[in-house]
C-alpha atoms as a PDB file:
ATOM      1  CA  MET A   1     -11.694 -45.364  93.639  1.00  0.00           C
ATOM      2  CA  SER A   2      -9.886 -48.464  92.226  1.00  0.00           C
ATOM      3  CA  ILE A   3      -7.049 -50.393  93.639  1.00  0.00           C
ATOM      4  CA  LEU A   4      -4.918 -49.465  90.677  1.00  0.00           C
ATOM      5  CA  GLN A   5      -5.558 -45.707  91.578  1.00  0.00           C
ATOM      6  CA  ILE A   6      -4.699 -46.449  95.173  1.00  0.00           C
ATOM      7  CA  ILE A   7      -1.418 -48.222  94.043  1.00  0.00           C
ATOM      8  CA  LEU A   8      -0.546 -45.054  91.862  1.00  0.00           C
ATOM      9  CA  ILE A   9      -0.985 -42.835  94.764  1.00  0.00           C
ATOM     10  CA  ALA A  10       1.111 -45.095  97.145  1.00  0.00           C
ATOM     11  CA  ILE A  11       3.843 -45.052  94.533  1.00  0.00           C
ATOM     12  CA  GLY A  12       3.854 -41.272  94.396  1.00  0.00           C
ATOM     13  CA  LEU A  13       3.742 -41.056  98.240  1.00  0.00           C
ATOM     14  CA  ALA A  14       6.620 -43.569  98.517  1.00  0.00           C
ATOM     15  CA  MET A  15       8.960 -41.613  96.230  1.00  0.00           C
ATOM     16  CA  ASP A  16      10.377 -39.430  99.167  1.00  0.00           C
ATOM     17  CA  CYS A  17      10.898 -42.753 101.340  1.00  0.00           C
ATOM     18  CA  PHE A  18      12.722 -44.170  98.296  1.00  0.00           C
ATOM     19  CA  ALA A  19      15.041 -41.137  97.876  1.00  0.00           C
ATOM     20  CA  VAL A  20      15.814 -40.948 101.458  1.00  0.00           C
ATOM     21  CA  SER A  21      16.415 -44.780 101.783  1.00  0.00           C
ATOM     22  CA  VAL A  22      18.835 -44.630  98.731  1.00  0.00           C
ATOM     23  CA  THR A  23      20.735 -41.941 100.631  1.00  0.00           C
ATOM     24  CA  LYS A  24      20.887 -43.961 103.850  1.00  0.00           C
ATOM     25  CA  GLY A  25      21.941 -46.995 101.924  1.00  0.00           C
ATOM     26  CA  MET A  26      24.739 -45.008 100.358  1.00  0.00           C
ATOM     27  CA  VAL A  27      25.924 -43.956 103.642  1.00  0.00           C
ATOM     28  CA  VAL A  28      25.938 -47.373 105.175  1.00  0.00           C
ATOM     29  CA  GLY A  29      27.205 -49.330 102.207  1.00  0.00           C
ATOM     30  CA  ASN A  30      28.208 -52.966 102.923  1.00  0.00           C
ATOM     31  CA  ARG A  31      27.838 -52.376 106.606  1.00  0.00           C
ATOM     32  CA  TRP A  32      24.143 -52.917 106.297  1.00  0.00           C
ATOM     33  CA  LYS A  33      24.642 -56.694 107.157  1.00  0.00           C
ATOM     34  CA  THR A  34      25.563 -55.537 110.793  1.00  0.00           C
ATOM     35  CA  GLU A  35      22.763 -52.895 110.882  1.00  0.00           C
ATOM     36  CA  TRP A  36      20.071 -54.892 109.271  1.00  0.00           C
ATOM     37  CA  LYS A  37      17.710 -54.543 112.351  1.00  0.00           C
ATOM     38  CA  ARG A  38      17.867 -50.666 112.055  1.00  0.00           C
ATOM     39  CA  VAL A  39      17.390 -50.935 108.204  1.00  0.00           C
ATOM     40  CA  LEU A  40      14.345 -52.991 108.795  1.00  0.00           C
ATOM     41  CA  LEU A  41      13.135 -50.449 111.358  1.00  0.00           C
ATOM     42  CA  MET A  42      13.605 -47.708 108.956  1.00  0.00           C
ATOM     43  CA  ALA A  43      11.501 -49.359 106.348  1.00  0.00           C
ATOM     44  CA  VAL A  44       8.724 -50.325 108.959  1.00  0.00           C
ATOM     45  CA  LEU A  45       8.644 -46.675 110.183  1.00  0.00           C
ATOM     46  CA  PHE A  46       8.436 -45.226 106.823  1.00  0.00           C
ATOM     47  CA  GLY A  47       5.658 -47.592 105.851  1.00  0.00           C
ATOM     48  CA  VAL A  48       3.765 -47.093 109.047  1.00  0.00           C
ATOM     49  CA  PHE A  49       3.888 -43.298 108.957  1.00  0.00           C
ATOM     50  CA  GLN A  50       3.101 -43.134 105.237  1.00  0.00           C
ATOM     51  CA  GLY A  51       0.027 -45.219 105.817  1.00  0.00           C
ATOM     52  CA  LEU A  52      -0.933 -43.524 109.107  1.00  0.00           C
ATOM     53  CA  MET A  53      -0.883 -39.939 107.842  1.00  0.00           C
ATOM     54  CA  PRO A  54      -3.525 -40.411 105.189  1.00  0.00           C
ATOM     55  CA  LEU A  55      -5.581 -42.273 107.798  1.00  0.00           C
ATOM     56  CA  ILE A  56      -5.380 -39.273 110.201  1.00  0.00           C
ATOM     57  CA  GLY A  57      -6.152 -36.874 107.200  1.00  0.00           C
ATOM     58  CA  PHE A  58      -9.220 -39.147 106.617  1.00  0.00           C
ATOM     59  CA  LEU A  59     -10.339 -39.095 110.054  1.00  0.00           C
ATOM     60  CA  GLY A  60      -9.729 -35.517 110.744  1.00  0.00           C
ATOM     61  CA  GLY A  61     -11.714 -34.740 107.549  1.00  0.00           C
ATOM     62  CA  SER A  62     -11.211 -31.788 105.599  1.00  0.00           C
ATOM     63  CA  ILE A  63     -11.170 -29.385 108.547  1.00  0.00           C
ATOM     64  CA  CYS A  64      -8.106 -30.446 110.371  1.00  0.00           C
ATOM     65  CA  ALA A  65      -6.315 -31.531 107.227  1.00  0.00           C
ATOM     66  CA  GLU A  66      -6.756 -28.080 105.622  1.00  0.00           C
ATOM     67  CA  ILE A  67      -5.313 -26.427 108.724  1.00  0.00           C
ATOM     68  CA  ILE A  68      -2.435 -28.687 108.899  1.00  0.00           C
ATOM     69  CA  SER A  69      -1.711 -28.455 105.279  1.00  0.00           C
ATOM     70  CA  ARG A  70      -1.099 -24.685 105.712  1.00  0.00           C
ATOM     71  CA  PHE A  71       2.056 -25.400 107.605  1.00  0.00           C
ATOM     72  CA  ASP A  72       2.900 -29.148 106.923  1.00  0.00           C
ATOM     73  CA  HIS A  73       5.468 -28.096 104.183  1.00  0.00           C
ATOM     74  CA  TRP A  74       7.249 -25.941 106.775  1.00  0.00           C
ATOM     75  CA  ILE A  75       7.531 -28.882 109.238  1.00  0.00           C
ATOM     76  CA  ALA A  76       8.910 -31.102 106.427  1.00  0.00           C
ATOM     77  CA  LEU A  77      11.382 -28.401 105.303  1.00  0.00           C
ATOM     78  CA  VAL A  78      12.714 -27.732 108.733  1.00  0.00           C
ATOM     79  CA  LEU A  79      13.123 -31.464 109.642  1.00  0.00           C
ATOM     80  CA  LEU A  80      14.829 -32.338 106.414  1.00  0.00           C
ATOM     81  CA  VAL A  81      17.013 -29.451 106.494  1.00  0.00           C
ATOM     82  CA  LEU A  82      18.165 -30.017 110.051  1.00  0.00           C
ATOM     83  CA  ILE A  83      18.817 -33.902 109.445  1.00  0.00           C
ATOM     84  CA  GLY A  84      20.486 -33.040 106.059  1.00  0.00           C
ATOM     85  CA  GLY A  85      22.546 -30.265 107.671  1.00  0.00           C
ATOM     86  CA  LYS A  86      23.595 -32.500 110.427  1.00  0.00           C
ATOM     87  CA  MET A  87      24.603 -35.148 107.738  1.00  0.00           C
ATOM     88  CA  ILE A  88      26.661 -32.579 105.813  1.00  0.00           C
ATOM     89  CA  TRP A  89      28.397 -31.427 109.178  1.00  0.00           C
ATOM     90  CA  GLU A  90      29.228 -35.061 110.050  1.00  0.00           C
ATOM     91  CA  SER A  91      30.619 -35.729 106.562  1.00  0.00           C
ATOM     92  CA  PHE A  92      33.342 -33.159 107.396  1.00  0.00           C
ATOM     93  CA  HIS A  93      33.749 -34.410 111.054  1.00  0.00           C
ATOM     94  CA  GLU A  94      34.424 -38.218 111.302  1.00  0.00           C
ATOM     95  CA  ASP A  95      35.345 -39.610 114.647  1.00  0.00           C
ATOM     96  CA  ASN A  96      38.891 -40.315 115.419  1.00  0.00           C
ATOM     97  CA  THR A  97      38.968 -43.748 114.569  1.00  0.00           C
ATOM     98  CA  GLY A  98      37.651 -43.203 111.015  1.00  0.00           C
ATOM     99  CA  THR A  99      34.880 -45.643 111.594  1.00  0.00           C
ATOM    100  CA  GLN A 100      31.191 -44.960 111.533  1.00  0.00           C
ATOM    101  CA  HIS A 101      28.388 -46.737 113.200  1.00  0.00           C
ATOM    102  CA  ALA A 102      24.506 -46.517 113.317  1.00  0.00           C
ATOM    103  CA  GLU A 103      24.364 -43.164 115.195  1.00  0.00           C
ATOM    104  CA  HIS A 104      26.619 -41.639 112.529  1.00  0.00           C
ATOM    105  CA  ASP A 105      24.859 -43.322 109.604  1.00  0.00           C
ATOM    106  CA  GLY A 106      21.493 -41.557 110.547  1.00  0.00           C
ATOM    107  CA  LEU A 107      20.173 -44.998 111.512  1.00  0.00           C
ATOM    108  CA  ALA A 108      19.706 -43.871 115.136  1.00  0.00           C
ATOM    109  CA  VAL A 109      16.145 -44.452 116.103  1.00  0.00           C
ATOM    110  CA  ARG A 110      15.362 -40.707 116.872  1.00  0.00           C
ATOM    111  CA  THR A 111      16.642 -39.841 113.450  1.00  0.00           C
ATOM    112  CA  LEU A 112      14.668 -42.665 111.786  1.00  0.00           C
ATOM    113  CA  PHE A 113      11.586 -41.233 113.457  1.00  0.00           C
ATOM    114  CA  LEU A 114      12.178 -37.843 112.382  1.00  0.00           C
ATOM    115  CA  LEU A 115      12.837 -39.035 108.790  1.00  0.00           C
ATOM    116  CA  ALA A 116       9.592 -40.972 108.814  1.00  0.00           C
ATOM    117  CA  ILE A 117       7.665 -37.962 110.059  1.00  0.00           C
ATOM    118  CA  ALA A 118       9.285 -35.489 107.632  1.00  0.00           C
ATOM    119  CA  THR A 119       8.779 -37.785 104.498  1.00  0.00           C
ATOM    120  CA  SER A 120       5.119 -38.623 105.519  1.00  0.00           C
ATOM    121  CA  ILE A 121       3.764 -35.142 106.479  1.00  0.00           C
ATOM    122  CA  ASP A 122       2.694 -34.325 102.955  1.00  0.00           C
ATOM    123  CA  ALA A 123       0.531 -37.659 102.896  1.00  0.00           C
ATOM    124  CA  LEU A 124      -1.608 -36.099 105.669  1.00  0.00           C
ATOM    125  CA  ALA A 125      -3.624 -33.978 103.270  1.00  0.00           C
ATOM    126  CA  MET A 126      -3.962 -37.063 100.791  1.00  0.00           C
ATOM    127  CA  GLY A 127      -6.423 -38.574 103.478  1.00  0.00           C
ATOM    128  CA  ILE A 128      -8.911 -35.885 102.227  1.00  0.00           C
ATOM    129  CA  ILE A 129      -9.238 -37.646  98.866  1.00  0.00           C
ATOM    130  CA  PHE A 130     -10.707 -40.747 100.732  1.00  0.00           C
ATOM    131  CA  VAL A 131     -13.425 -39.009 102.578  1.00  0.00           C
ATOM    132  CA  PRO A 132     -15.966 -39.526  99.726  1.00  0.00           C
ATOM    133  CA  THR A 133     -15.121 -43.236  99.559  1.00  0.00           C
ATOM    134  CA  PRO A 134     -14.834 -44.341 103.164  1.00  0.00           C
ATOM    135  CA  GLU A 135     -15.081 -48.021 102.141  1.00  0.00           C
ATOM    136  CA  VAL A 136     -11.525 -48.131 100.616  1.00  0.00           C
ATOM    137  CA  ILE A 137      -9.645 -46.376 103.456  1.00  0.00           C
ATOM    138  CA  VAL A 138      -8.495 -49.663 104.981  1.00  0.00           C
ATOM    139  CA  TRP A 139      -7.086 -50.924 101.674  1.00  0.00           C
ATOM    140  CA  ALA A 140      -5.597 -47.456 100.942  1.00  0.00           C
ATOM    141  CA  VAL A 141      -3.756 -47.453 104.259  1.00  0.00           C
ATOM    142  CA  ALA A 142      -2.495 -51.062 103.765  1.00  0.00           C
ATOM    143  CA  ILE A 143      -1.405 -50.544 100.275  1.00  0.00           C
ATOM    144  CA  ILE A 144       0.258 -47.148 100.944  1.00  0.00           C
ATOM    145  CA  ALA A 145       2.181 -48.490 104.083  1.00  0.00           C
ATOM    146  CA  LEU A 146       3.189 -51.731 102.122  1.00  0.00           C
ATOM    147  CA  VAL A 147       4.465 -49.760  98.971  1.00  0.00           C
ATOM    148  CA  SER A 148       6.445 -47.311 101.230  1.00  0.00           C
ATOM    149  CA  PHE A 149       7.866 -50.247 103.058  1.00  0.00           C
ATOM    150  CA  LEU A 150       9.078 -52.103  99.964  1.00  0.00           C
ATOM    151  CA  PHE A 151      10.164 -48.897  98.327  1.00  0.00           C
ATOM    152  CA  SER A 152      12.270 -48.124 101.413  1.00  0.00           C
ATOM    153  CA  LEU A 153      13.996 -51.465 101.527  1.00  0.00           C
ATOM    154  CA  THR A 154      14.585 -51.585  97.652  1.00  0.00           C
ATOM    155  CA  GLY A 155      15.928 -48.001  98.001  1.00  0.00           C
ATOM    156  CA  PHE A 156      18.158 -48.836 100.844  1.00  0.00           C
ATOM    157  CA  MET A 157      19.620 -51.792  98.971  1.00  0.00           C
ATOM    158  CA  ILE A 158      20.099 -49.859  95.738  1.00  0.00           C
ATOM    159  CA  GLY A 159      21.962 -47.218  97.697  1.00  0.00           C
ATOM    160  CA  ALA A 160      24.080 -49.665  99.581  1.00  0.00           C
ATOM    161  CA  LYS A 161      25.172 -51.321  96.352  1.00  0.00           C
ATOM    162  CA  PHE A 162      25.869 -47.935  94.784  1.00  0.00           C
ATOM    163  CA  GLY A 163      27.574 -46.491  97.849  1.00  0.00           C
ATOM    164  CA  ALA A 164      29.905 -49.590  98.066  1.00  0.00           C
ATOM    165  CA  THR A 165      30.773 -49.380  94.292  1.00  0.00           C
ATOM    166  CA  PHE A 166      31.621 -45.604  94.247  1.00  0.00           C
ATOM    167  CA  ARG A 167      33.988 -43.994  96.786  1.00  0.00           C
ATOM    168  CA  LEU A 168      32.066 -40.733  97.256  1.00  0.00           C
ATOM    169  CA  ASN A 169      31.351 -38.516 100.246  1.00  0.00           C
ATOM    170  CA  VAL A 170      27.917 -40.078 100.454  1.00  0.00           C
ATOM    171  CA  GLU A 171      27.004 -38.465 103.758  1.00  0.00           C
ATOM    172  CA  LEU A 172      27.545 -34.987 102.152  1.00  0.00           C
ATOM    173  CA  ILE A 173      25.656 -36.175  99.137  1.00  0.00           C
ATOM    174  CA  GLY A 174      22.952 -37.646 101.344  1.00  0.00           C
ATOM    175  CA  GLY A 175      22.507 -34.449 103.323  1.00  0.00           C
ATOM    176  CA  LEU A 176      22.380 -32.315 100.089  1.00  0.00           C
ATOM    177  CA  ILE A 177      19.508 -34.811  98.877  1.00  0.00           C
ATOM    178  CA  LEU A 178      17.643 -34.474 102.174  1.00  0.00           C
ATOM    179  CA  ILE A 179      17.695 -30.698 101.995  1.00  0.00           C
ATOM    180  CA  GLY A 180      16.616 -31.100  98.358  1.00  0.00           C
ATOM    181  CA  ILE A 181      13.682 -33.020  99.217  1.00  0.00           C
ATOM    182  CA  GLY A 182      12.657 -30.598 101.892  1.00  0.00           C
ATOM    183  CA  ILE A 183      12.872 -27.807  99.393  1.00  0.00           C
ATOM    184  CA  LYS A 184      10.917 -29.799  96.910  1.00  0.00           C
ATOM    185  CA  ILE A 185       8.016 -30.372  99.355  1.00  0.00           C
ATOM    186  CA  PHE A 186       8.202 -26.740 100.420  1.00  0.00           C
ATOM    187  CA  VAL A 187       8.106 -25.432  96.771  1.00  0.00           C
ATOM    188  CA  GLU A 188       5.305 -27.823  95.780  1.00  0.00           C
ATOM    189  CA  HIS A 189       3.123 -26.724  98.548  1.00  0.00           C
ATOM    190  CA  MET A 190       3.904 -22.900  98.173  1.00  0.00           C
ATOM    191  CA  PHE A 191       3.700 -22.557  94.578  1.00  0.00           C
ATOM    192  CA  PHE A 192       1.874 -25.723  92.979  1.00  0.00           C
ATOM    193  CA  SER A 193      -1.109 -26.551  95.219  1.00  0.00           C
END
């Protein structure tokens, strides 16, 4: 497997991270400057989980990954629907001061972990493709993690710029996007794999 093929796989795997990061950026907007540590944590978690999941799939081989792939789409769907539903609910229930902070932006550490897991679960089965070429697994994990990290930061900054430019109920839109990603993952696994 070539480096170019690994990069293309990494880009494909990073798309969910990118979409979620755009959503988070839209919600946070210009306040990212005060929340930059959590933004960086988000990108690191997304990169680490995207890199680790194929490694786990590789180490588990086809047996464990095949078993997990039977229900990974359900896990991703449930997590993303719960997080997206919470964002939608919060979009209609702002706190009394009219301000929001990291906990309401979905930048709470617990939420970031759940999002990192939900967006990377489908990468677990990807580890199987590296079983015939074990010599590239270290490069693959590093490239996948780096690409996901970069796409997450870029997506967040695009979302922050877009969210600051337009006055939309971005938390509602973000919740709908997360639910949409969950449904996309579920449908792909149920009907196209």
